[in-house]
Amino acid sequence: MTARNVGHNGRLAAGGSASFGFLGSWTGSNTPPAVSCTAS
């Protein structure tokens, strides 16, 4: 999964903030996927 900025929401006011969330679940016998996070 990749999360990126899009043109229509590309600016925050001075002192503003943004957040990102992810909800997921897993069931079954397969190995759960690895999760990582990097800033760019």
N, C-alpha and C. Protein backbone atom coordinates (compact mmCIF):
# COMPACT_ATOMS: atom_id res chain seq x y z
N MET A 1 0.84 -1.16 0.00
CA MET A 1 0.00 0.00 0.00
C MET A 1 0.89 1.22 0.00
N THR A 2 0.50 2.23 -0.72
CA THR A 2 1.21 3.50 -0.76
C THR A 2 0.23 4.63 -0.53
N ALA A 3 0.60 5.58 0.32
CA ALA A 3 -0.23 6.78 0.54
C ALA A 3 0.55 7.97 0.03
N ARG A 4 -0.09 8.78 -0.79
CA ARG A 4 0.57 9.94 -1.37
C ARG A 4 -0.36 11.15 -1.33
N ASN A 5 0.24 12.30 -1.38
CA ASN A 5 -0.50 13.54 -1.49
C ASN A 5 -1.12 13.63 -2.89
N VAL A 6 -2.26 14.24 -3.00
CA VAL A 6 -2.86 14.51 -4.31
C VAL A 6 -3.02 16.03 -4.47
N GLY A 7 -3.09 16.47 -5.71
CA GLY A 7 -3.08 17.89 -6.01
C GLY A 7 -4.15 18.71 -5.31
N HIS A 8 -5.36 18.18 -5.12
CA HIS A 8 -6.43 18.99 -4.54
C HIS A 8 -6.31 19.17 -3.03
N ASN A 9 -5.38 18.47 -2.36
CA ASN A 9 -5.23 18.68 -0.91
C ASN A 9 -3.76 18.89 -0.54
N GLY A 10 -2.99 19.46 -1.44
CA GLY A 10 -1.55 19.54 -1.26
C GLY A 10 -1.02 20.61 -0.33
N ARG A 11 -1.86 21.42 0.27
CA ARG A 11 -1.33 22.50 1.11
C ARG A 11 -2.03 22.53 2.45
N LEU A 12 -1.22 22.78 3.48
CA LEU A 12 -1.75 22.99 4.83
C LEU A 12 -1.44 24.41 5.25
N ALA A 13 -2.32 24.98 6.03
CA ALA A 13 -2.06 26.31 6.57
C ALA A 13 -0.89 26.23 7.55
N ALA A 14 -0.24 27.38 7.79
CA ALA A 14 0.84 27.42 8.78
C ALA A 14 0.35 26.88 10.11
N GLY A 15 1.10 25.99 10.71
CA GLY A 15 0.71 25.40 11.99
C GLY A 15 -0.33 24.30 11.84
N GLY A 16 -0.74 23.98 10.61
CA GLY A 16 -1.74 22.95 10.38
C GLY A 16 -1.16 21.56 10.55
N SER A 17 -1.98 20.56 10.49
CA SER A 17 -1.52 19.19 10.61
C SER A 17 -2.35 18.28 9.72
N ALA A 18 -1.82 17.12 9.49
CA ALA A 18 -2.52 16.11 8.72
C ALA A 18 -2.26 14.77 9.38
N SER A 19 -3.15 13.82 9.19
CA SER A 19 -2.96 12.50 9.77
C SER A 19 -3.35 11.44 8.75
N PHE A 20 -2.89 10.24 8.99
CA PHE A 20 -3.17 9.13 8.11
C PHE A 20 -3.48 7.92 8.98
N GLY A 21 -4.48 7.17 8.62
CA GLY A 21 -4.83 5.98 9.37
C GLY A 21 -5.01 4.78 8.46
N PHE A 22 -4.88 3.61 9.02
CA PHE A 22 -5.04 2.37 8.27
C PHE A 22 -5.74 1.35 9.15
N LEU A 23 -6.79 0.75 8.63
CA LEU A 23 -7.49 -0.32 9.32
C LEU A 23 -7.38 -1.57 8.46
N GLY A 24 -7.07 -2.68 9.06
CA GLY A 24 -6.97 -3.92 8.29
C GLY A 24 -7.20 -5.12 9.19
N SER A 25 -7.46 -6.25 8.59
CA SER A 25 -7.62 -7.48 9.34
C SER A 25 -7.10 -8.64 8.51
N TRP A 26 -6.84 -9.74 9.16
CA TRP A 26 -6.31 -10.91 8.49
C TRP A 26 -6.83 -12.15 9.17
N THR A 27 -7.22 -13.14 8.36
CA THR A 27 -7.61 -14.45 8.88
C THR A 27 -7.10 -15.50 7.91
N GLY A 28 -6.95 -16.71 8.37
CA GLY A 28 -6.51 -17.78 7.49
C GLY A 28 -5.17 -18.35 7.90
N SER A 29 -4.61 -19.20 7.03
CA SER A 29 -3.38 -19.89 7.36
C SER A 29 -2.15 -19.29 6.68
N ASN A 30 -2.33 -18.29 5.84
CA ASN A 30 -1.18 -17.66 5.19
C ASN A 30 -0.41 -16.79 6.18
N THR A 31 0.86 -16.58 5.88
CA THR A 31 1.68 -15.70 6.71
C THR A 31 1.17 -14.27 6.58
N PRO A 32 0.96 -13.56 7.71
CA PRO A 32 0.50 -12.18 7.60
C PRO A 32 1.53 -11.33 6.86
N PRO A 33 1.10 -10.31 6.12
CA PRO A 33 2.04 -9.46 5.38
C PRO A 33 2.87 -8.61 6.33
N ALA A 34 4.08 -8.27 5.89
CA ALA A 34 4.94 -7.37 6.66
C ALA A 34 4.45 -5.94 6.45
N VAL A 35 4.51 -5.13 7.48
CA VAL A 35 4.08 -3.74 7.41
C VAL A 35 5.28 -2.86 7.69
N SER A 36 5.47 -1.83 6.86
CA SER A 36 6.56 -0.89 7.09
C SER A 36 6.10 0.52 6.77
N CYS A 37 6.84 1.50 7.24
CA CYS A 37 6.50 2.89 7.01
C CYS A 37 7.78 3.66 6.75
N THR A 38 7.80 4.46 5.69
CA THR A 38 8.95 5.30 5.38
C THR A 38 8.48 6.70 5.04
N ALA A 39 9.27 7.68 5.40
CA ALA A 39 8.97 9.07 5.05
C ALA A 39 9.76 9.44 3.81
N SER A 40 9.16 10.25 2.96
CA SER A 40 9.88 10.71 1.78
C SER A 40 9.51 12.13 1.46
